[in-house]
N, C-alpha and C. Protein backbone atom coordinates (compact mmCIF):
# COMPACT_ATOMS: atom_id res chain seq x y z
N MET A 1 -18.69 3.31 6.97
CA MET A 1 -17.67 2.00 6.62
C MET A 1 -16.49 2.18 7.90
N ILE A 2 -16.45 1.65 8.33
CA ILE A 2 -14.69 2.15 9.26
C ILE A 2 -13.73 1.18 9.10
N ILE A 3 -13.00 1.23 9.04
CA ILE A 3 -11.46 0.93 8.80
C ILE A 3 -10.11 1.59 9.43
N GLU A 4 -9.61 0.60 9.18
CA GLU A 4 -7.98 0.89 10.12
C GLU A 4 -7.03 1.42 9.47
N GLU A 5 -6.19 2.46 9.68
CA GLU A 5 -5.42 2.54 8.59
C GLU A 5 -4.18 1.76 8.45
N PRO A 6 -3.78 0.95 7.18
CA PRO A 6 -3.17 0.16 7.12
C PRO A 6 -1.44 0.44 7.17
N ALA A 7 -0.53 -0.10 7.41
CA ALA A 7 0.81 0.31 8.29
C ALA A 7 1.74 0.67 6.58
N ASP A 8 1.27 0.25 5.57
CA ASP A 8 2.25 1.22 4.72
C ASP A 8 1.78 2.36 4.43
N ALA A 9 2.40 2.70 3.38
CA ALA A 9 1.73 4.49 2.89
C ALA A 9 2.51 4.46 1.24
N GLY A 10 1.40 4.98 0.47
CA GLY A 10 1.88 5.32 -0.98
C GLY A 10 1.85 4.05 -1.97
N SER A 11 1.11 2.96 -1.37
CA SER A 11 0.52 2.04 -1.82
C SER A 11 -0.94 1.83 -2.26
N VAL A 12 -1.79 1.23 -3.18
CA VAL A 12 -2.81 0.81 -2.61
C VAL A 12 -2.34 -0.60 -2.40
N ARG A 13 -1.47 -1.39 -2.15
CA ARG A 13 -1.27 -3.04 -1.42
C ARG A 13 -1.54 -3.31 -0.32
N GLU A 14 -1.84 -3.84 -0.20
CA GLU A 14 -2.25 -4.52 1.56
C GLU A 14 -1.22 -4.67 2.20
N PRO A 15 -0.47 -4.42 3.47
CA PRO A 15 0.62 -4.58 4.26
C PRO A 15 1.17 -5.98 4.15
N THR A 16 2.25 -6.42 4.52
CA THR A 16 3.01 -7.63 4.59
C THR A 16 1.96 -8.82 5.02
N SER A 17 1.59 -7.88 6.59
CA SER A 17 0.51 -8.90 7.53
C SER A 17 -1.08 -8.01 7.64
N PRO A 18 -1.77 -8.46 6.75
CA PRO A 18 -2.82 -7.40 6.96
C PRO A 18 -4.07 -8.25 7.67
N VAL A 19 -4.39 -7.38 8.20
CA VAL A 19 -5.70 -7.87 8.97
C VAL A 19 -6.71 -8.04 7.90
N ALA A 20 -7.44 -9.46 8.60
CA ALA A 20 -8.61 -9.82 7.05
C ALA A 20 -9.28 -8.52 6.94
N TRP A 21 -9.55 -8.63 5.47
CA TRP A 21 -10.50 -7.33 5.72
C TRP A 21 -12.03 -7.56 5.85
N THR A 22 -12.20 -8.95 6.36
CA THR A 22 -13.40 -9.02 6.44
C THR A 22 -13.45 -8.54 8.58
N GLU A 23 -12.44 -8.21 8.92
CA GLU A 23 -12.26 -7.77 10.29
C GLU A 23 -12.47 -6.74 10.63
N ARG A 24 -11.67 -5.53 9.51
CA ARG A 24 -11.55 -4.42 9.66
C ARG A 24 -12.55 -3.11 8.86
N VAL A 25 -13.28 -4.13 8.00
CA VAL A 25 -14.70 -2.70 7.62
C VAL A 25 -15.97 -3.33 8.14
N ASN A 26 -16.26 -2.49 8.57
CA ASN A 26 -18.04 -2.84 9.00
C ASN A 26 -19.22 -2.44 7.83
N PHE A 27 -19.74 -3.49 7.00
CA PHE A 27 -20.37 -3.49 6.00
C PHE A 27 -22.02 -3.03 6.64
N GLY A 28 -22.18 -3.27 7.46
CA GLY A 28 -23.50 -3.29 7.74
C GLY A 28 -24.64 -4.28 7.52
N ASP A 29 -26.16 -4.59 7.14
CA ASP A 29 -26.56 -5.33 7.93
C ASP A 29 -26.78 -5.75 6.37
N GLU A 30 -26.78 -5.50 5.34
CA GLU A 30 -27.07 -5.91 3.60
C GLU A 30 -26.11 -7.02 3.76
N TRP A 31 -24.58 -6.96 4.36
CA TRP A 31 -23.32 -7.80 4.42
C TRP A 31 -23.77 -8.75 4.85
N THR A 32 -24.21 -8.96 5.83
CA THR A 32 -24.62 -10.61 6.58
C THR A 32 -25.45 -11.41 5.60
N THR A 33 -26.53 -10.83 4.56
CA THR A 33 -27.50 -11.26 3.90
C THR A 33 -26.52 -11.96 2.65
N PHE A 34 -25.88 -11.02 2.15
CA PHE A 34 -24.90 -10.95 0.89
C PHE A 34 -23.91 -12.33 1.16
N ARG A 35 -22.94 -11.83 1.89
CA ARG A 35 -22.16 -13.02 2.44
C ARG A 35 -22.46 -14.27 2.31
N ASP A 36 -23.59 -15.02 2.74
CA ASP A 36 -24.10 -16.27 2.49
C ASP A 36 -24.77 -16.81 1.23
N LEU A 37 -25.08 -15.87 0.33
CA LEU A 37 -25.82 -16.22 -0.99
C LEU A 37 -24.88 -17.02 -1.63
N ASP A 38 -24.99 -17.86 -2.40
CA ASP A 38 -24.88 -18.72 -2.98
C ASP A 38 -25.17 -18.26 -4.44
N LEU A 39 -23.93 -17.75 -5.32
CA LEU A 39 -24.46 -17.04 -6.47
C LEU A 39 -24.30 -18.28 -7.97
N GLY A 40 -23.67 -19.05 -7.34
CA GLY A 40 -23.84 -20.19 -8.29
C GLY A 40 -22.90 -20.12 -9.40
N LYS A 41 -21.85 -19.31 -9.45
CA LYS A 41 -20.67 -19.25 -10.38
C LYS A 41 -19.37 -18.99 -9.46
N THR A 42 -17.95 -19.42 -9.86
CA THR A 42 -17.01 -19.50 -8.80
C THR A 42 -16.39 -17.99 -9.27
N ASP A 43 -15.63 -17.53 -8.59
CA ASP A 43 -14.68 -16.37 -8.71
C ASP A 43 -13.52 -17.04 -8.80
N GLN A 44 -12.47 -16.33 -10.15
CA GLN A 44 -11.60 -17.04 -10.20
C GLN A 44 -10.38 -16.17 -9.08
N LYS A 45 -10.82 -15.56 -8.39
CA LYS A 45 -9.41 -15.01 -7.40
C LYS A 45 -9.74 -15.85 -6.31
N SER A 46 -10.92 -15.79 -5.42
CA SER A 46 -11.62 -16.29 -4.24
C SER A 46 -11.27 -17.70 -4.54
N GLY A 47 -12.01 -18.60 -5.55
CA GLY A 47 -12.31 -19.88 -5.78
C GLY A 47 -13.59 -20.49 -4.99
N GLY A 48 -14.31 -19.30 -4.42
CA GLY A 48 -15.52 -19.61 -3.93
C GLY A 48 -16.74 -19.51 -4.87
N SER A 49 -17.98 -19.14 -4.63
CA SER A 49 -19.02 -18.76 -5.22
C SER A 49 -20.26 -18.24 -4.31
N THR A 50 -19.59 -18.34 -3.12
CA THR A 50 -20.70 -17.31 -2.05
C THR A 50 -20.54 -15.83 -2.30
N GLY A 51 -21.24 -14.95 -1.67
CA GLY A 51 -21.25 -13.42 -2.34
C GLY A 51 -20.08 -13.08 -1.30
N GLU A 52 -19.57 -13.48 -0.46
CA GLU A 52 -18.52 -13.33 0.57
C GLU A 52 -16.90 -13.36 -0.11
N ASP A 53 -17.41 -14.39 -1.37
CA ASP A 53 -16.09 -14.90 -2.15
C ASP A 53 -16.13 -13.71 -3.26
N TRP A 54 -17.33 -13.74 -3.64
CA TRP A 54 -16.69 -12.21 -4.52
C TRP A 54 -16.42 -11.30 -4.43
N VAL A 55 -16.98 -10.60 -3.38
CA VAL A 55 -16.67 -9.25 -2.64
C VAL A 55 -15.05 -9.47 -2.23
N ALA A 56 -14.25 -10.98 -1.68
CA ALA A 56 -13.33 -11.24 -1.73
C ALA A 56 -12.36 -10.97 -2.55
N GLY A 57 -12.94 -11.52 -3.85
CA GLY A 57 -12.19 -11.45 -5.26
C GLY A 57 -12.33 -9.53 -5.85
N ARG A 58 -12.99 -8.69 -5.47
CA ARG A 58 -12.95 -7.56 -5.99
C ARG A 58 -12.12 -7.17 -4.98
N PHE A 59 -11.46 -7.15 -3.92
CA PHE A 59 -10.68 -6.39 -2.73
C PHE A 59 -9.81 -6.97 -3.37
N TYR A 60 -9.35 -8.34 -3.96
CA TYR A 60 -7.67 -9.06 -4.32
C TYR A 60 -7.51 -7.97 -5.36
N VAL A 61 -8.45 -8.02 -6.38
CA VAL A 61 -8.36 -7.34 -7.78
C VAL A 61 -7.51 -5.49 -7.02
N LEU A 62 -8.01 -5.44 -6.53
CA LEU A 62 -7.58 -3.39 -6.33
C LEU A 62 -6.95 -3.48 -5.34
N TYR A 63 -6.54 -4.72 -4.48
CA TYR A 63 -5.71 -4.23 -3.44
C TYR A 63 -3.85 -5.00 -3.76
N GLU A 64 -4.17 -5.72 -4.91
CA GLU A 64 -3.31 -7.10 -5.14
C GLU A 64 -3.20 -7.45 -6.31
N GLY A 65 -4.39 -7.01 -7.19
CA GLY A 65 -3.83 -8.00 -8.70
C GLY A 65 -3.82 -6.73 -9.77
N ARG A 66 -4.94 -6.92 -10.74
CA ARG A 66 -4.52 -6.41 -12.09
C ARG A 66 -4.25 -4.46 -11.25
N TYR A 67 -5.89 -4.11 -10.97
CA TYR A 67 -5.49 -2.67 -10.59
C TYR A 67 -4.49 -1.68 -10.08
N ALA A 68 -4.23 -3.28 -9.06
CA ALA A 68 -2.86 -2.39 -8.06
C ALA A 68 -1.83 -2.38 -9.13
N ASP A 69 -1.85 -3.38 -10.06
CA ASP A 69 -0.85 -3.19 -10.94
C ASP A 69 -0.48 -2.14 -11.67
N ARG A 70 -1.73 -1.85 -12.13
CA ARG A 70 -1.96 -0.75 -12.80
C ARG A 70 -1.61 0.76 -12.18
N LEU A 71 -2.11 0.60 -10.37
CA LEU A 71 -2.15 1.92 -9.66
C LEU A 71 -0.35 2.13 -9.26
N ASP A 72 -0.41 1.36 -8.71
CA ASP A 72 1.07 1.07 -8.43
C ASP A 72 1.98 1.17 -9.93
N ALA A 73 2.15 1.26 -10.62
CA ALA A 73 2.86 1.11 -11.81
C ALA A 73 4.00 2.46 -11.95
N ARG A 74 3.34 4.07 -11.76
CA ARG A 74 3.56 4.90 -12.33
C ARG A 74 3.37 5.79 -10.86
N HIS A 75 3.12 5.16 -9.55
CA HIS A 75 2.69 5.34 -8.32
C HIS A 75 2.14 6.51 -8.57
N GLN A 76 0.61 6.38 -8.98
CA GLN A 76 -0.41 7.21 -9.03
C GLN A 76 -0.80 7.24 -7.50
N LEU A 77 -1.10 6.59 -7.08
CA LEU A 77 -1.86 6.74 -5.85
C LEU A 77 -1.14 7.62 -4.51
N SER A 78 0.01 7.35 -4.75
CA SER A 78 1.46 7.84 -4.10
C SER A 78 1.47 9.38 -4.18
N ARG A 79 1.39 9.52 -5.60
CA ARG A 79 1.59 10.79 -5.43
C ARG A 79 0.75 11.78 -5.43
N ILE A 80 -0.48 11.25 -5.89
CA ILE A 80 -1.81 12.27 -5.15
C ILE A 80 -2.27 12.23 -4.19
N GLU A 81 -1.79 11.25 -3.09
CA GLU A 81 -1.50 11.17 -2.04
C GLU A 81 -0.67 12.35 -1.27
N ARG A 82 0.36 12.53 -1.79
CA ARG A 82 1.23 13.66 -1.53
C ARG A 82 0.60 15.05 -1.75
N ARG A 83 -0.03 15.29 -3.40
CA ARG A 83 -0.40 16.62 -3.68
C ARG A 83 -1.48 17.16 -2.54
N LEU A 84 -1.91 15.73 -2.10
CA LEU A 84 -3.16 16.11 -1.01
C LEU A 84 -2.93 17.02 0.42
N GLU A 85 -1.52 15.99 0.45
CA GLU A 85 -0.72 16.41 1.95
C GLU A 85 -0.49 17.87 1.64
N LEU A 86 0.29 18.23 0.34
CA LEU A 86 0.75 19.65 0.89
C LEU A 86 0.07 20.63 0.03
N GLY A 87 -1.01 20.24 -0.80
CA GLY A 87 -2.16 21.26 -1.25
C GLY A 87 -1.93 21.48 -2.78
N TYR A 88 -1.12 20.85 -3.49
CA TYR A 88 -0.34 21.17 -4.42
C TYR A 88 -1.68 20.64 -5.35
N HIS A 89 -2.82 20.95 -5.25
CA HIS A 89 -3.87 20.09 -6.39
C HIS A 89 -4.73 21.55 -6.86
N GLY A 90 -4.01 23.11 -6.33
CA GLY A 90 -4.91 23.99 -6.48
C GLY A 90 -6.47 24.02 -6.23
N SER A 91 -7.10 24.86 -7.38
CA SER A 91 -8.13 24.90 -7.38
C SER A 91 -9.30 23.81 -8.16
N SER A 92 -8.25 22.97 -8.59
CA SER A 92 -9.16 21.97 -9.55
C SER A 92 -8.72 20.58 -8.97
N THR A 93 -9.14 19.25 -9.51
CA THR A 93 -8.58 17.93 -9.43
C THR A 93 -7.99 17.20 -10.58
N ASN A 94 -7.03 18.20 -11.03
CA ASN A 94 -6.55 17.58 -12.42
C ASN A 94 -5.15 16.87 -12.23
N ALA A 95 -4.69 17.17 -10.79
CA ALA A 95 -3.86 16.37 -10.54
C ALA A 95 -4.21 15.04 -9.32
N LEU A 96 -5.51 14.64 -9.62
CA LEU A 96 -5.70 13.86 -8.68
C LEU A 96 -6.56 12.66 -9.40
N VAL A 97 -6.10 12.63 -10.52
CA VAL A 97 -6.45 11.32 -11.04
C VAL A 97 -5.69 10.48 -11.45
N ALA A 98 -6.24 9.17 -11.16
CA ALA A 98 -5.40 8.21 -11.41
C ALA A 98 -5.87 6.85 -12.90
N GLN A 99 -5.27 6.92 -13.77
CA GLN A 99 -5.83 6.17 -14.70
C GLN A 99 -5.65 5.07 -14.97
N VAL A 100 -6.89 3.79 -14.53
CA VAL A 100 -6.32 2.19 -15.00
C VAL A 100 -6.62 1.83 -16.22
N TYR A 101 -7.01 2.10 -17.30
CA TYR A 101 -7.36 1.74 -18.33
C TYR A 101 -6.15 2.58 -18.94
N ARG A 102 -5.63 1.67 -20.16
CA ARG A 102 -4.23 2.28 -20.85
C ARG A 102 -4.41 1.80 -22.15
N GLU A 103 -3.03 2.31 -22.90
CA GLU A 103 -3.38 1.66 -24.25
C GLU A 103 -3.63 0.41 -24.96
N PRO A 104 -2.86 -0.57 -24.08
CA PRO A 104 -2.94 -2.24 -24.02
C PRO A 104 -4.14 -2.52 -24.44
N ASP A 105 -5.43 -1.78 -23.19
CA ASP A 105 -6.42 -2.17 -23.32
C ASP A 105 -7.64 -1.58 -24.77
N LEU A 106 -6.92 -0.34 -24.78
CA LEU A 106 -7.70 -0.25 -26.23
C LEU A 106 -7.65 -0.53 -27.57
N LYS A 107 -5.95 -0.77 -27.63
CA LYS A 107 -5.84 -2.24 -28.55
C LYS A 107 -6.10 -3.50 -28.51
N ALA A 108 -6.71 -4.20 -27.21
CA ALA A 108 -7.26 -5.42 -27.61
C ALA A 108 -9.02 -4.84 -27.68
N ALA A 109 -9.57 -3.75 -27.04
CA ALA A 109 -11.12 -3.72 -27.91
C ALA A 109 -10.91 -3.37 -29.63
N GLU A 110 -9.98 -3.06 -29.97
CA GLU A 110 -9.80 -3.06 -31.41
C GLU A 110 -9.53 -3.90 -32.36
N LYS A 111 -9.65 -5.04 -31.35
CA LYS A 111 -9.59 -6.38 -32.36
C LYS A 111 -11.60 -6.87 -33.02
N PRO A 112 -11.20 -7.32 -34.13
CA PRO A 112 -12.93 -7.81 -34.30
C PRO A 112 -13.25 -8.87 -33.68
N ARG A 113 -14.62 -8.98 -33.73
CA ARG A 113 -15.02 -9.97 -32.82
C ARG A 113 -14.42 -11.42 -33.49
N PRO A 114 -14.40 -12.25 -32.53
CA PRO A 114 -15.19 -12.40 -30.91
C PRO A 114 -14.65 -11.33 -30.31
N ARG A 115 -15.65 -10.98 -29.21
CA ARG A 115 -14.99 -9.81 -28.26
C ARG A 115 -13.70 -10.26 -27.56
N ALA A 116 -13.46 -8.85 -27.25
CA ALA A 116 -11.79 -9.14 -26.33
C ALA A 116 -12.27 -9.59 -25.23
N THR A 117 -11.26 -10.33 -24.32
CA THR A 117 -11.42 -10.77 -23.14
C THR A 117 -9.70 -9.86 -21.85
N GLY A 118 -10.35 -9.68 -21.29
CA GLY A 118 -9.33 -9.25 -20.59
C GLY A 118 -8.75 -7.74 -20.18
N ILE A 119 -9.79 -6.91 -21.06
CA ILE A 119 -9.78 -5.35 -20.48
C ILE A 119 -10.26 -5.24 -19.48
N VAL A 120 -9.19 -4.09 -18.63
CA VAL A 120 -9.83 -3.45 -17.48
C VAL A 120 -11.60 -3.14 -17.81
N CYS A 121 -11.71 -3.14 -16.06
CA CYS A 121 -13.41 -2.63 -16.33
C CYS A 121 -13.42 -1.37 -15.75
N LEU A 122 -12.55 -0.95 -14.47
CA LEU A 122 -12.34 -0.01 -14.11
C LEU A 122 -11.58 1.30 -14.63
N THR A 123 -11.79 2.22 -15.15
CA THR A 123 -11.12 3.07 -16.03
C THR A 123 -10.48 4.23 -15.38
N GLN A 124 -11.15 4.85 -14.46
CA GLN A 124 -10.26 6.02 -13.76
C GLN A 124 -10.99 6.11 -12.53
N LEU A 125 -9.97 6.66 -11.53
CA LEU A 125 -10.19 7.25 -10.19
C LEU A 125 -9.78 8.88 -10.27
N GLN A 126 -11.01 9.65 -9.39
CA GLN A 126 -10.78 10.64 -9.14
C GLN A 126 -10.94 11.18 -7.76
N PHE A 127 -9.66 11.37 -7.08
CA PHE A 127 -10.32 12.43 -5.96
C PHE A 127 -10.74 13.70 -5.76
N ARG A 128 -11.53 14.01 -4.67
CA ARG A 128 -11.94 15.42 -4.85
C ARG A 128 -11.81 16.20 -3.73
N PRO A 129 -10.98 16.84 -2.89
CA PRO A 129 -11.19 17.23 -1.59
C PRO A 129 -12.35 18.24 -1.55
N HIS A 130 -12.89 18.74 -0.84
CA HIS A 130 -13.36 20.17 0.10
C HIS A 130 -13.65 20.11 1.45
N GLU A 131 -12.88 21.30 1.75
CA GLU A 131 -12.99 21.66 2.95
C GLU A 131 -12.55 20.42 3.60
N GLU A 132 -12.92 19.54 4.57
CA GLU A 132 -11.88 18.69 5.46
C GLU A 132 -12.40 17.17 4.95
N TYR A 133 -13.23 17.18 3.99
CA TYR A 133 -13.68 15.96 3.03
C TYR A 133 -12.94 15.43 2.03
N LEU A 134 -12.68 14.30 1.69
CA LEU A 134 -12.19 13.84 0.63
C LEU A 134 -13.22 12.93 -0.13
N ASP A 135 -13.66 13.15 -1.57
CA ASP A 135 -14.59 12.07 -2.26
C ASP A 135 -13.57 11.64 -2.92
N LEU A 136 -14.58 10.57 -3.20
CA LEU A 136 -13.52 9.92 -4.65
C LEU A 136 -14.81 9.15 -5.75
N HIS A 137 -14.49 9.79 -6.79
CA HIS A 137 -15.17 9.11 -8.31
C HIS A 137 -14.54 8.42 -8.95
N ALA A 138 -15.33 6.99 -9.12
CA ALA A 138 -14.82 5.90 -10.23
C ALA A 138 -15.83 5.72 -10.88
N VAL A 139 -15.25 5.54 -12.19
CA VAL A 139 -15.92 5.22 -13.69
C VAL A 139 -15.35 3.71 -14.49
N PHE A 140 -16.47 3.12 -14.44
CA PHE A 140 -16.26 1.96 -14.75
C PHE A 140 -16.68 2.13 -16.30
N ARG A 141 -15.95 1.14 -17.27
CA ARG A 141 -16.48 1.47 -18.71
C ARG A 141 -17.86 0.30 -18.97
N SER A 142 -17.26 -0.63 -18.09
CA SER A 142 -18.24 -2.06 -17.86
C SER A 142 -18.57 -2.71 -16.68
N GLN A 143 -19.37 -3.31 -16.11
CA GLN A 143 -19.38 -4.02 -14.74
C GLN A 143 -20.85 -5.18 -14.85
N TRP A 144 -20.35 -6.20 -13.96
CA TRP A 144 -21.65 -7.55 -14.31
C TRP A 144 -22.28 -6.89 -12.74
N TRP A 145 -23.50 -6.46 -12.94
CA TRP A 145 -23.93 -5.83 -11.60
C TRP A 145 -24.38 -7.27 -11.04
N ASP A 146 -24.48 -8.06 -10.92
CA ASP A 146 -24.66 -9.22 -10.20
C ASP A 146 -23.74 -9.86 -9.53
N LEU A 147 -22.68 -9.57 -10.25
CA LEU A 147 -21.61 -10.49 -9.39
C LEU A 147 -20.46 -9.67 -9.12
N LYS A 148 -20.06 -8.38 -9.36
CA LYS A 148 -19.32 -7.74 -8.84
C LYS A 148 -19.21 -6.36 -8.47
N ALA A 149 -20.57 -5.86 -8.63
CA ALA A 149 -20.79 -4.06 -8.48
C ALA A 149 -20.36 -4.40 -6.98
N TYR A 150 -21.24 -5.12 -5.86
CA TYR A 150 -21.41 -5.10 -4.40
C TYR A 150 -19.84 -5.06 -4.17
N GLY A 151 -18.85 -5.82 -4.65
CA GLY A 151 -17.71 -6.06 -3.84
C GLY A 151 -17.15 -4.83 -4.54
N ASN A 152 -17.13 -4.45 -5.99
CA ASN A 152 -16.15 -3.28 -5.99
C ASN A 152 -16.81 -1.78 -5.45
N LEU A 153 -17.94 -1.63 -5.09
CA LEU A 153 -18.58 -0.49 -4.09
C LEU A 153 -17.66 -0.57 -2.57
N LEU A 154 -17.66 -1.32 -2.39
CA LEU A 154 -16.92 -2.00 -1.02
C LEU A 154 -15.45 -2.09 -0.51
N SER A 155 -14.52 -2.24 -2.06
CA SER A 155 -13.55 -2.05 -2.03
C SER A 155 -12.65 -0.73 -2.48
N LEU A 156 -13.72 0.29 -3.24
CA LEU A 156 -13.51 1.32 -3.43
C LEU A 156 -13.61 2.29 -2.12
N ALA A 157 -14.90 1.74 -1.37
CA ALA A 157 -15.09 2.47 -0.33
C ALA A 157 -13.88 2.66 0.60
N SER A 158 -13.42 0.91 0.60
CA SER A 158 -12.07 0.73 1.87
C SER A 158 -10.98 1.61 1.14
N LEU A 159 -10.69 1.97 -0.05
CA LEU A 159 -9.29 2.75 -0.90
C LEU A 159 -9.85 4.13 -0.20
N LEU A 160 -10.98 4.56 -0.19
CA LEU A 160 -11.47 6.09 0.30
C LEU A 160 -11.10 6.32 1.41
N ALA A 161 -11.51 5.30 2.08
CA ALA A 161 -11.27 5.71 3.69
C ALA A 161 -9.84 6.02 4.41
N GLN A 162 -9.07 4.77 3.58
CA GLN A 162 -7.37 4.38 3.67
C GLN A 162 -6.83 5.62 3.50
N THR A 163 -7.39 6.41 2.04
CA THR A 163 -6.50 7.16 1.54
C THR A 163 -6.82 8.89 2.21
N ALA A 164 -7.89 9.00 2.44
CA ALA A 164 -8.51 9.87 3.37
C ALA A 164 -7.61 9.43 4.89
N ALA A 165 -7.46 9.03 5.54
CA ALA A 165 -6.66 9.11 6.75
C ALA A 165 -5.49 9.27 6.64
N ARG A 166 -4.65 8.45 5.46
CA ARG A 166 -3.65 8.85 5.26
C ARG A 166 -3.18 10.29 5.04
N THR A 167 -4.48 10.92 4.57
CA THR A 167 -3.62 12.50 4.24
C THR A 167 -4.96 13.49 4.94
N ASP A 168 -4.90 13.10 6.59
CA ASP A 168 -5.56 13.96 7.12
C ASP A 168 -6.97 14.75 7.10
N TYR A 169 -8.07 13.84 5.75
CA TYR A 169 -9.22 14.14 5.72
C TYR A 169 -10.18 13.14 6.16
N GLU A 170 -11.59 13.84 6.41
CA GLU A 170 -12.59 12.51 6.69
C GLU A 170 -13.02 12.32 5.59
N VAL A 171 -13.86 11.07 5.45
CA VAL A 171 -14.40 10.63 4.71
C VAL A 171 -15.29 11.02 3.71
N GLY A 172 -15.43 11.59 2.70
CA GLY A 172 -16.82 12.26 2.04
C GLY A 172 -17.08 10.92 1.50
N ARG A 173 -17.60 11.53 0.17
CA ARG A 173 -18.82 10.72 -0.84
C ARG A 173 -17.98 9.50 -1.42
N LEU A 174 -18.35 8.34 -1.89
CA LEU A 174 -17.79 8.12 -2.87
C LEU A 174 -19.18 7.81 -4.01
N GLU A 175 -18.76 7.76 -5.32
CA GLU A 175 -19.51 8.12 -6.30
C GLU A 175 -18.87 7.30 -7.38
N VAL A 176 -19.80 6.15 -8.28
CA VAL A 176 -19.73 5.12 -8.97
C VAL A 176 -20.38 5.57 -10.10
N ARG A 177 -19.86 5.78 -11.41
CA ARG A 177 -20.49 5.32 -12.62
C ARG A 177 -19.69 4.37 -13.34
N CYS A 178 -21.31 3.75 -13.94
CA CYS A 178 -21.01 2.63 -14.79
C CYS A 178 -21.40 2.79 -16.28
N ASN A 179 -20.42 3.07 -17.24
CA ASN A 179 -21.45 3.12 -18.77
C ASN A 179 -21.86 2.16 -19.34
N ASN A 180 -21.86 0.93 -18.70
CA ASN A 180 -22.50 -0.04 -19.52
C ASN A 180 -22.92 -1.31 -18.28
N VAL A 181 -23.87 -1.11 -17.03
CA VAL A 181 -24.41 -2.28 -16.74
C VAL A 181 -24.75 -3.33 -17.57
N VAL A 182 -24.15 -4.66 -16.97
CA VAL A 182 -24.78 -5.98 -17.83
C VAL A 182 -24.93 -6.70 -16.39
N PHE A 183 -25.33 -7.98 -16.83
CA PHE A 183 -26.05 -8.99 -15.79
C PHE A 183 -25.38 -10.38 -16.64
N GLU A 184 -24.58 -11.23 -15.67
CA GLU A 184 -23.88 -12.36 -16.03
C GLU A 184 -25.28 -13.40 -16.54
N ASP A 185 -26.48 -12.89 -15.35
CA ASP A 185 -27.10 -13.88 -15.03
C ASP A 185 -28.68 -13.03 -14.79
N SER A 186 -29.71 -12.95 -15.42
CA SER A 186 -30.83 -11.85 -14.70
C SER A 186 -31.35 -12.67 -14.07
N GLY A 187 -31.36 -13.76 -13.92
CA GLY A 187 -32.19 -14.63 -12.48
C GLY A 187 -31.24 -14.34 -11.29
N ARG A 188 -30.06 -14.34 -11.70
CA ARG A 188 -29.50 -14.38 -10.07
C ARG A 188 -29.27 -12.56 -10.15
N ALA A 189 -29.22 -11.82 -10.79
CA ALA A 189 -29.49 -10.42 -10.57
C ALA A 189 -30.96 -10.14 -9.92
N GLU A 190 -32.09 -10.83 -10.15
CA GLU A 190 -33.13 -10.77 -9.48
C GLU A 190 -33.39 -11.27 -8.07
N ARG A 191 -32.32 -12.12 -8.06
CA ARG A 191 -32.81 -13.17 -6.35
C ARG A 191 -31.89 -12.00 -5.40
N VAL A 192 -30.52 -11.41 -5.58
CA VAL A 192 -29.94 -10.74 -5.42
C VAL A 192 -30.59 -9.44 -5.01
N SER A 193 -31.09 -8.78 -5.84
CA SER A 193 -32.21 -7.50 -5.24
C SER A 193 -32.98 -8.13 -4.53
N ARG A 194 -33.75 -8.90 -4.58
CA ARG A 194 -34.90 -9.43 -3.85
C ARG A 194 -34.07 -9.55 -2.86
N GLU A 195 -32.95 -10.20 -2.15
CA GLU A 195 -32.32 -10.11 -1.09
C GLU A 195 -31.84 -9.22 -0.09
N LEU A 196 -31.30 -8.56 -1.02
CA LEU A 196 -30.61 -7.41 -0.72
C LEU A 196 -31.90 -6.26 -0.09
N GLY A 197 -32.83 -5.71 -1.48
CA GLY A 197 -34.16 -5.10 -0.95
C GLY A 197 -34.89 -5.33 0.25
N GLY A 198 -35.06 -6.57 0.63
CA GLY A 198 -35.87 -7.20 1.80
C GLY A 198 -35.34 -6.60 3.02
N VAL A 199 -33.49 -6.88 3.06
CA VAL A 199 -32.84 -6.36 4.16
C VAL A 199 -33.18 -4.88 4.83
N ALA A 200 -32.87 -4.28 3.02
CA ALA A 200 -33.04 -2.77 3.14
C ALA A 200 -34.31 -2.21 3.67
N SER A 201 -35.36 -3.04 3.24
CA SER A 201 -37.28 -2.47 3.73
C SER A 201 -37.16 -2.90 4.95
N GLY A 202 -36.06 -3.46 5.56
CA GLY A 202 -36.65 -3.65 7.31
C GLY A 202 -35.69 -3.01 8.24
N LEU A 203 -34.83 -2.12 7.64
CA LEU A 203 -34.21 -1.31 8.04
C LEU A 203 -34.97 0.11 9.06
N PRO A 204 -34.85 0.61 9.99
CA PRO A 204 -35.49 1.61 10.63
C PRO A 204 -35.24 3.11 10.07
């Protein structure tokens, strides 16, 4: 994945006049297939139902929406970047953790049925430097695989590349753990897997 370094620093948010994310990220062959798929459900952030619309929605949530609000509220990412630049993280990564899931989410989850809504799915980000590389480990409590997984993966890869560029690291590995994988529509999930699997099987 290739990404240009944004103009702002210390924040997850996009610059005032950002280059469109579709123009600064090289997604690979799978993207051309997923982009035009009609997923049959409208993404609330982008207002569209294609694969590109759903990916755009996940970029919005991370860079401009709810996740950005949580990450910027206590300057979590700017503090992590500062520690990386100065080497103040010691021999562990305890100081390189950003918490997205908070007490209001826990309180909402404790309410009896019907199931609570509006709880963030991304719970934690943890950066890990090793030699000249920077890794990112992300944990989701739950995730719609068929609608959100691909966009979440791409937006987090973008965040890793952005943070690495700002702190003079090379991009390392992105590891995403989801504790509860769910399908909004199992038929859609099968179709997405089939479409992307066909692209992957044709790669050299």
